[in-house]
C-alpha atoms as a PDB file:
ATOM      1  CA  MET A   1      18.518  19.657  12.321  1.00  0.00           C
ATOM      2  CA  ILE A   2      17.370  18.001   9.072  1.00  0.00           C
ATOM      3  CA  ASP A   3      17.610  20.328   6.084  1.00  0.00           C
ATOM      4  CA  PRO A   4      14.968  21.619   4.143  1.00  0.00           C
ATOM      5  CA  LEU A   5      15.232  18.774   1.044  1.00  0.00           C
ATOM      6  CA  HIS A   6      15.696  15.888   3.233  1.00  0.00           C
ATOM      7  CA  LEU A   7      13.035  16.568   4.983  1.00  0.00           C
ATOM      8  CA  ALA A   8      10.516  17.073   1.618  1.00  0.00           C
ATOM      9  CA  ILE A   9      12.117  13.988   0.602  1.00  0.00           C
ATOM     10  CA  ALA A  10      10.999  11.891   3.708  1.00  0.00           C
ATOM     11  CA  ILE A  11       7.233  12.607   3.914  1.00  0.00           C
ATOM     12  CA  THR A  12       6.110  13.532   0.592  1.00  0.00           C
ATOM     13  CA  PRO A  13       5.452  10.085  -0.424  1.00  0.00           C
ATOM     14  CA  LEU A  14       4.193   9.607   2.573  1.00  0.00           C
ATOM     15  CA  GLY A  15       1.571  12.469   2.901  1.00  0.00           C
ATOM     16  CA  GLY A  16       0.957  11.085  -0.366  1.00  0.00           C
ATOM     17  CA  TYR A  17       0.104   7.783   0.446  1.00  0.00           C
ATOM     18  CA  LEU A  18      -2.301   8.773   3.682  1.00  0.00           C
ATOM     19  CA  LEU A  19      -4.140  10.909   1.223  1.00  0.00           C
ATOM     20  CA  LEU A  20      -4.726   8.289  -1.443  1.00  0.00           C
ATOM     21  CA  LEU A  21      -6.108   6.072   1.637  1.00  0.00           C
ATOM     22  CA  GLY A  22      -8.174   9.039   2.485  1.00  0.00           C
ATOM     23  CA  VAL A  23      -9.869   9.293  -0.386  1.00  0.00           C
ATOM     24  CA  LEU A  24     -10.596   5.429  -1.046  1.00  0.00           C
ATOM     25  CA  ARG A  25     -12.506   5.821   2.439  1.00  0.00           C
ATOM     26  CA  ILE A  26     -14.715   8.292   0.959  1.00  0.00           C
ATOM     27  CA  LEU A  27     -15.430   6.102  -2.518  1.00  0.00           C
ATOM     28  CA  PRO A  28     -19.516   5.678  -2.490  1.00  0.00           C
ATOM     29  CA  ARG A  29     -18.320   2.127  -3.549  1.00  0.00           C
ATOM     30  CA  PRO A  30     -16.266  -0.636  -1.507  1.00  0.00           C
ATOM     31  CA  ARG A  31     -12.636  -0.549  -3.249  1.00  0.00           C
ATOM     32  CA  VAL A  32     -10.768  -4.205  -3.993  1.00  0.00           C
ATOM     33  CA  VAL A  33      -7.088  -4.255  -3.760  1.00  0.00           C
ATOM     34  CA  SER A  34      -4.736  -6.877  -4.136  1.00  0.00           C
ATOM     35  CA  GLY A  35      -2.026  -8.117  -1.415  1.00  0.00           C
ATOM     36  CA  VAL A  36       0.422  -6.937  -3.969  1.00  0.00           C
ATOM     37  CA  GLN A  37      -0.672  -3.541  -5.035  1.00  0.00           C
ATOM     38  CA  ASP A  38      -1.229  -2.657  -1.000  1.00  0.00           C
ATOM     39  CA  THR A  39       2.660  -3.116  -0.635  1.00  0.00           C
ATOM     40  CA  VAL A  40       4.232  -1.922  -3.280  1.00  0.00           C
ATOM     41  CA  TRP A  41       1.971   1.461  -2.195  1.00  0.00           C
ATOM     42  CA  VAL A  42       3.125   0.921   1.618  1.00  0.00           C
ATOM     43  CA  GLY A  43       7.292   0.816  -0.254  1.00  0.00           C
ATOM     44  CA  ILE A  44       6.442   3.877  -2.324  1.00  0.00           C
ATOM     45  CA  ALA A  45       5.083   5.159   1.188  1.00  0.00           C
ATOM     46  CA  ILE A  46       8.343   4.652   3.389  1.00  0.00           C
ATOM     47  CA  SER A  47      10.229   4.820   0.642  1.00  0.00           C
ATOM     48  CA  GLY A  48      11.079   8.953   1.272  1.00  0.00           C
ATOM     49  CA  LEU A  49      12.085   7.906   4.633  1.00  0.00           C
ATOM     50  CA  VAL A  50      14.397   5.555   3.318  1.00  0.00           C
ATOM     51  CA  VAL A  51      16.364   7.163   0.995  1.00  0.00           C
ATOM     52  CA  ALA A  52      16.749  10.124   3.524  1.00  0.00           C
ATOM     53  CA  GLY A  53      17.417   8.090   6.313  1.00  0.00           C
ATOM     54  CA  PRO A  54      19.482   4.578   5.707  1.00  0.00           C
ATOM     55  CA  PHE A  55      20.367   5.161   2.509  1.00  0.00           C
ATOM     56  CA  GLU A  56      22.074   8.677   2.895  1.00  0.00           C
ATOM     57  CA  LEU A  57      23.441   7.355   5.982  1.00  0.00           C
ATOM     58  CA  PHE A  58      24.739   4.206   4.489  1.00  0.00           C
ATOM     59  CA  MET A  59      25.943   5.788   1.211  1.00  0.00           C
ATOM     60  CA  PRO A  60      28.507   3.957  -0.422  1.00  0.00           C
ATOM     61  CA  GLU A  61      30.741   6.860  -0.994  1.00  0.00           C
ATOM     62  CA  ALA A  62      33.367   5.088  -3.363  1.00  0.00           C
ATOM     63  CA  ALA A  63      29.965   4.417  -5.426  1.00  0.00           C
ATOM     64  CA  ALA A  64      28.907   8.079  -5.340  1.00  0.00           C
ATOM     65  CA  LEU A  65      32.158   9.398  -6.026  1.00  0.00           C
ATOM     66  CA  ARG A  66      32.091   7.149  -9.529  1.00  0.00           C
ATOM     67  CA  PHE A  67      28.573   7.964 -10.249  1.00  0.00           C
ATOM     68  CA  HIS A  68      27.720  10.856  -8.489  1.00  0.00           C
ATOM     69  CA  GLY A  69      23.929  11.651  -8.979  1.00  0.00           C
ATOM     70  CA  PHE A  70      23.214   8.544 -10.761  1.00  0.00           C
ATOM     71  CA  VAL A  71      24.113   6.648  -8.039  1.00  0.00           C
ATOM     72  CA  TRP A  72      20.755   7.365  -6.419  1.00  0.00           C
ATOM     73  CA  LEU A  73      19.078   5.145  -9.664  1.00  0.00           C
ATOM     74  CA  LEU A  74      21.067   2.372  -8.294  1.00  0.00           C
ATOM     75  CA  LEU A  75      19.486   2.602  -5.165  1.00  0.00           C
ATOM     76  CA  LEU A  76      16.176   3.518  -6.169  1.00  0.00           C
ATOM     77  CA  GLY A  77      16.327  -0.386  -8.231  1.00  0.00           C
ATOM     78  CA  LEU A  78      17.631  -2.006  -5.473  1.00  0.00           C
ATOM     79  CA  TYR A  79      14.932  -0.895  -2.884  1.00  0.00           C
ATOM     80  CA  ALA A  80      12.214  -1.174  -5.816  1.00  0.00           C
ATOM     81  CA  MET A  81      13.877  -5.266  -6.620  1.00  0.00           C
ATOM     82  CA  LEU A  82      13.452  -5.488  -2.718  1.00  0.00           C
ATOM     83  CA  VAL A  83       9.671  -3.919  -2.451  1.00  0.00           C
ATOM     84  CA  THR A  84       9.165  -6.207  -5.170  1.00  0.00           C
ATOM     85  CA  LEU A  85      10.186  -9.391  -4.020  1.00  0.00           C
ATOM     86  CA  LEU A  86       8.733  -8.862  -0.501  1.00  0.00           C
ATOM     87  CA  ALA A  87       5.149  -8.549  -2.553  1.00  0.00           C
ATOM     88  CA  LEU A  88       5.749 -11.519  -4.093  1.00  0.00           C
ATOM     89  CA  LEU A  89       6.386 -13.399  -1.051  1.00  0.00           C
ATOM     90  CA  MET A  90       3.996 -12.634   1.270  1.00  0.00           C
ATOM     91  CA  ARG A  91       1.071 -14.495   1.552  1.00  0.00           C
ATOM     92  CA  PRO A  92      -2.250 -13.666  -0.936  1.00  0.00           C
ATOM     93  CA  ARG A  93      -4.451 -11.231   0.135  1.00  0.00           C
ATOM     94  CA  VAL A  94      -7.045  -9.092  -1.590  1.00  0.00           C
ATOM     95  CA  ILE A  95      -8.165  -5.891   0.364  1.00  0.00           C
ATOM     96  CA  ILE A  96     -12.006  -4.238   0.587  1.00  0.00           C
ATOM     97  CA  TYR A  97     -12.258  -0.647   1.649  1.00  0.00           C
ATOM     98  CA  ASN A  98     -15.351   0.832   2.543  1.00  0.00           C
ATOM     99  CA  ILE A  99     -17.278  -2.626   3.673  1.00  0.00           C
ATOM    100  CA  SER A 100     -18.443  -3.362   7.088  1.00  0.00           C
ATOM    101  CA  ALA A 101     -18.466  -7.141   8.195  1.00  0.00           C
ATOM    102  CA  ASP A 102     -22.276  -7.190   7.842  1.00  0.00           C
ATOM    103  CA  ALA A 103     -21.904  -6.273   3.917  1.00  0.00           C
ATOM    104  CA  LEU A 104     -18.881  -8.582   3.539  1.00  0.00           C
ATOM    105  CA  ARG A 105     -20.195 -11.827   4.505  1.00  0.00           C
ATOM    106  CA  PRO A 106     -23.569 -12.073   1.844  1.00  0.00           C
ATOM    107  CA  VAL A 107     -21.052 -11.294  -1.028  1.00  0.00           C
ATOM    108  CA  LEU A 108     -18.341 -13.184   0.012  1.00  0.00           C
ATOM    109  CA  SER A 109     -20.589 -16.422   0.374  1.00  0.00           C
ATOM    110  CA  GLU A 110     -22.391 -15.659  -3.352  1.00  0.00           C
ATOM    111  CA  VAL A 111     -18.644 -15.229  -5.094  1.00  0.00           C
ATOM    112  CA  VAL A 112     -17.687 -18.252  -3.315  1.00  0.00           C
ATOM    113  CA  GLY A 113     -20.809 -20.404  -4.135  1.00  0.00           C
ATOM    114  CA  ARG A 114     -20.411 -19.111  -7.565  1.00  0.00           C
ATOM    115  CA  LEU A 115     -16.821 -19.735  -7.764  1.00  0.00           C
ATOM    116  CA  ASP A 116     -16.432 -23.081  -6.058  1.00  0.00           C
ATOM    117  CA  ARG A 117     -19.960 -25.333  -5.329  1.00  0.00           C
ATOM    118  CA  ASP A 118     -17.315 -27.888  -3.394  1.00  0.00           C
ATOM    119  CA  ALA A 119     -16.731 -24.619  -0.984  1.00  0.00           C
ATOM    120  CA  ARG A 120     -16.277 -25.278   2.429  1.00  0.00           C
ATOM    121  CA  TRP A 121     -16.895 -22.824   5.816  1.00  0.00           C
ATOM    122  CA  ALA A 122     -15.377 -23.117   9.075  1.00  0.00           C
ATOM    123  CA  GLY A 123     -16.079 -20.052  11.673  1.00  0.00           C
ATOM    124  CA  GLN A 124     -14.311 -17.041   9.686  1.00  0.00           C
ATOM    125  CA  GLY A 125     -12.645 -19.362   7.150  1.00  0.00           C
ATOM    126  CA  VAL A 126     -13.508 -21.102   3.751  1.00  0.00           C
ATOM    127  CA  ILE A 127     -11.470 -23.748   1.957  1.00  0.00           C
ATOM    128  CA  LEU A 128     -12.014 -23.547  -1.611  1.00  0.00           C
ATOM    129  CA  PRO A 129     -10.722 -26.926  -3.064  1.00  0.00           C
ATOM    130  CA  THR A 130     -11.077 -26.473  -6.904  1.00  0.00           C
ATOM    131  CA  LEU A 131      -9.700 -23.208  -7.291  1.00  0.00           C
ATOM    132  CA  GLY A 132      -6.738 -24.054  -4.967  1.00  0.00           C
ATOM    133  CA  VAL A 133      -7.781 -21.126  -2.330  1.00  0.00           C
ATOM    134  CA  GLN A 134      -7.685 -21.203   1.346  1.00  0.00           C
ATOM    135  CA  LEU A 135      -8.831 -18.165   3.488  1.00  0.00           C
ATOM    136  CA  SER A 136      -9.702 -16.580   6.604  1.00  0.00           C
ATOM    137  CA  ILE A 137     -11.484 -13.088   7.059  1.00  0.00           C
ATOM    138  CA  GLU A 138     -10.122 -10.387   9.094  1.00  0.00           C
ATOM    139  CA  SER A 139     -12.188  -7.347   9.275  1.00  0.00           C
ATOM    140  CA  ASP A 140     -11.721  -3.593  11.098  1.00  0.00           C
ATOM    141  CA  LEU A 141     -14.730  -1.751  11.747  1.00  0.00           C
ATOM    142  CA  ALA A 142     -13.058   1.539  12.865  1.00  0.00           C
ATOM    143  CA  LEU A 143     -11.315   1.705   9.751  1.00  0.00           C
ATOM    144  CA  ARG A 144     -13.935  -0.059   7.493  1.00  0.00           C
ATOM    145  CA  THR A 145     -11.926  -2.193   5.863  1.00  0.00           C
ATOM    146  CA  ALA A 146     -11.807  -6.257   5.482  1.00  0.00           C
ATOM    147  CA  GLN A 147      -9.302  -8.619   4.331  1.00  0.00           C
ATOM    148  CA  LEU A 148      -9.216 -11.982   3.119  1.00  0.00           C
ATOM    149  CA  VAL A 149      -6.026 -13.437   3.667  1.00  0.00           C
ATOM    150  CA  ALA A 150      -4.461 -17.049   2.837  1.00  0.00           C
ATOM    151  CA  ALA A 151      -4.722 -19.541   5.288  1.00  0.00           C
ATOM    152  CA  GLY A 152      -1.895 -22.037   4.902  1.00  0.00           C
ATOM    153  CA  SER A 153       1.074 -22.362   2.241  1.00  0.00           C
ATOM    154  CA  GLN A 154      -0.742 -24.496  -0.353  1.00  0.00           C
ATOM    155  CA  GLN A 155      -2.332 -21.540  -2.374  1.00  0.00           C
ATOM    156  CA  SER A 156      -3.223 -21.256  -5.983  1.00  0.00           C
ATOM    157  CA  TYR A 157      -2.073 -17.541  -7.509  1.00  0.00           C
ATOM    158  CA  ALA A 158      -4.645 -18.101 -10.151  1.00  0.00           C
ATOM    159  CA  GLY A 159      -7.419 -18.761  -7.663  1.00  0.00           C
ATOM    160  CA  TRP A 160      -6.532 -15.976  -5.855  1.00  0.00           C
ATOM    161  CA  ARG A 161      -6.537 -13.650  -9.407  1.00  0.00           C
ATOM    162  CA  GLN A 162      -9.866 -15.426 -10.026  1.00  0.00           C
ATOM    163  CA  LEU A 163     -11.631 -14.683  -6.769  1.00  0.00           C
ATOM    164  CA  GLU A 164     -10.514 -11.100  -6.550  1.00  0.00           C
ATOM    165  CA  GLN A 165     -11.927 -10.644  -9.811  1.00  0.00           C
ATOM    166  CA  ALA A 166     -15.019 -11.904  -8.694  1.00  0.00           C
ATOM    167  CA  PHE A 167     -15.058  -9.761  -6.032  1.00  0.00           C
ATOM    168  CA  ARG A 168     -14.460  -6.883  -8.139  1.00  0.00           C
ATOM    169  CA  GLU A 169     -18.097  -7.455 -10.122  1.00  0.00           C
ATOM    170  CA  SER A 170     -19.634  -8.276  -7.337  1.00  0.00           C
ATOM    171  CA  LEU A 171     -19.015  -5.467  -5.014  1.00  0.00           C
ATOM    172  CA  ARG A 172     -19.946  -2.909  -8.174  1.00  0.00           C
ATOM    173  CA  THR A 173     -23.759  -2.645  -6.704  1.00  0.00           C
ATOM    174  CA  VAL A 174     -22.904  -2.706  -3.270  1.00  0.00           C
ATOM    175  CA  PRO A 175     -22.967   0.543  -1.278  1.00  0.00           C
ATOM    176  CA  GLY A 176     -19.751   1.326   0.862  1.00  0.00           C
ATOM    177  CA  ALA A 177     -19.586   2.117   4.374  1.00  0.00           C
ATOM    178  CA  ARG A 178     -17.846   5.249   4.095  1.00  0.00           C
ATOM    179  CA  GLY A 179     -15.918   6.764   7.030  1.00  0.00           C
ATOM    180  CA  GLY A 180     -12.700   4.855   8.602  1.00  0.00           C
ATOM    181  CA  HIS A 181     -11.202   8.117   9.493  1.00  0.00           C
ATOM    182  CA  ALA A 182     -11.020   9.732   5.814  1.00  0.00           C
ATOM    183  CA  LEU A 183     -10.989  13.292   7.069  1.00  0.00           C
ATOM    184  CA  LEU A 184      -8.244  12.741   9.432  1.00  0.00           C
ATOM    185  CA  LEU A 185      -6.104  11.131   6.559  1.00  0.00           C
ATOM    186  CA  ILE A 186      -6.690  13.524   4.382  1.00  0.00           C
ATOM    187  CA  LEU A 187      -5.856  16.339   6.726  1.00  0.00           C
ATOM    188  CA  SER A 188      -2.787  14.233   7.684  1.00  0.00           C
ATOM    189  CA  GLY A 189      -1.564  13.733   4.010  1.00  0.00           C
ATOM    190  CA  LEU A 190      -2.272  17.722   2.857  1.00  0.00           C
ATOM    191  CA  ALA A 191      -0.504  18.575   6.108  1.00  0.00           C
ATOM    192  CA  LEU A 192       2.439  16.598   5.320  1.00  0.00           C
ATOM    193  CA  LEU A 193       2.359  18.074   1.826  1.00  0.00           C
ATOM    194  CA  VAL A 194       2.120  21.602   2.599  1.00  0.00           C
ATOM    195  CA  LEU A 195       5.043  20.724   5.115  1.00  0.00           C
ATOM    196  CA  ALA A 196       7.349  19.751   2.311  1.00  0.00           C
ATOM    197  CA  CYS A 197       6.441  22.318  -0.059  1.00  0.00           C
ATOM    198  CA  SER A 198       6.812  24.760   2.517  1.00  0.00           C
ATOM    199  CA  ALA A 199      10.158  23.904   3.963  1.00  0.00           C
ATOM    200  CA  VAL A 200      11.570  23.793   0.406  1.00  0.00           C
ATOM    201  CA  LEU A 201       9.808  27.174  -0.554  1.00  0.00           C
ATOM    202  CA  PHE A 202      10.449  29.267   2.412  1.00  0.00           C
ATOM    203  CA  ASN A 203      14.392  28.019   2.481  1.00  0.00           C
ATOM    204  CA  ARG A 204      15.527  28.058  -1.015  1.00  0.00           C
ATOM    205  CA  GLU A 205      19.356  28.725  -0.395  1.00  0.00           C
ATOM    206  CA  GLN A 206      19.535  25.540   1.966  1.00  0.00           C
ATOM    207  CA  THR A 207      17.600  23.671  -0.313  1.00  0.00           C
ATOM    208  CA  ALA A 208      19.533  24.158  -3.129  1.00  0.00           C
ATOM    209  CA  GLU A 209      23.231  23.776  -1.084  1.00  0.00           C
ATOM    210  CA  ALA A 210      21.449  20.239   0.099  1.00  0.00           C
ATOM    211  CA  TRP A 211      20.258  19.419  -3.113  1.00  0.00           C
ATOM    212  CA  GLN A 212      24.026  19.712  -4.516  1.00  0.00           C
ATOM    213  CA  ALA A 213      25.231  17.680  -1.566  1.00  0.00           C
ATOM    214  CA  PHE A 214      22.514  15.148  -2.780  1.00  0.00           C
ATOM    215  CA  LEU A 215      23.789  14.584  -5.998  1.00  0.00           C
ATOM    216  CA  ARG A 216      27.389  14.301  -4.478  1.00  0.00           C
ATOM    217  CA  GLN A 217      28.136  17.034  -6.829  1.00  0.00           C
END
């Protein structure tokens, strides 16, 4: 059975992530997030599970005996570098929370026309040759979320940053489509955070012992 310390470590970041998603979905305006930000958020959300699971299970004991608790700084630094590398290697994306597909299309048409007069549409995709951007539109009606996803390997990251900034400016006056299971996400996040706090507060002696073992002292 998992001890209260490892339970708290595992579920606290995940609870915070679910709470953040819930809050984003009740904002009055659409929220634009880059693909890098989204990947980093997911990396942070599962970091507790990684620490309490694989890192604890495959802990290099020689390094733990030498560095004691500081070995966790090394492992977390390695994890942060892996998440950063993954975020940079993934295809460029722009995620828009709190927007319906019907509301997204005219905004995208306005932004595309303003940024690149040579833009060409093909179904749910658009090519902006001047910016060096090719993208397709993906939307989730239930979650009130849309994504602009890179189509093809030849992409300009500067063009994607310009597109993302233009979207932020254009969506400031667009009302958000709230919902997307916001209440469920908020309640789930709060439940995990309350469970983590309760596990630690009501099992202090066991938590203290687990903390000493966690730091390899």
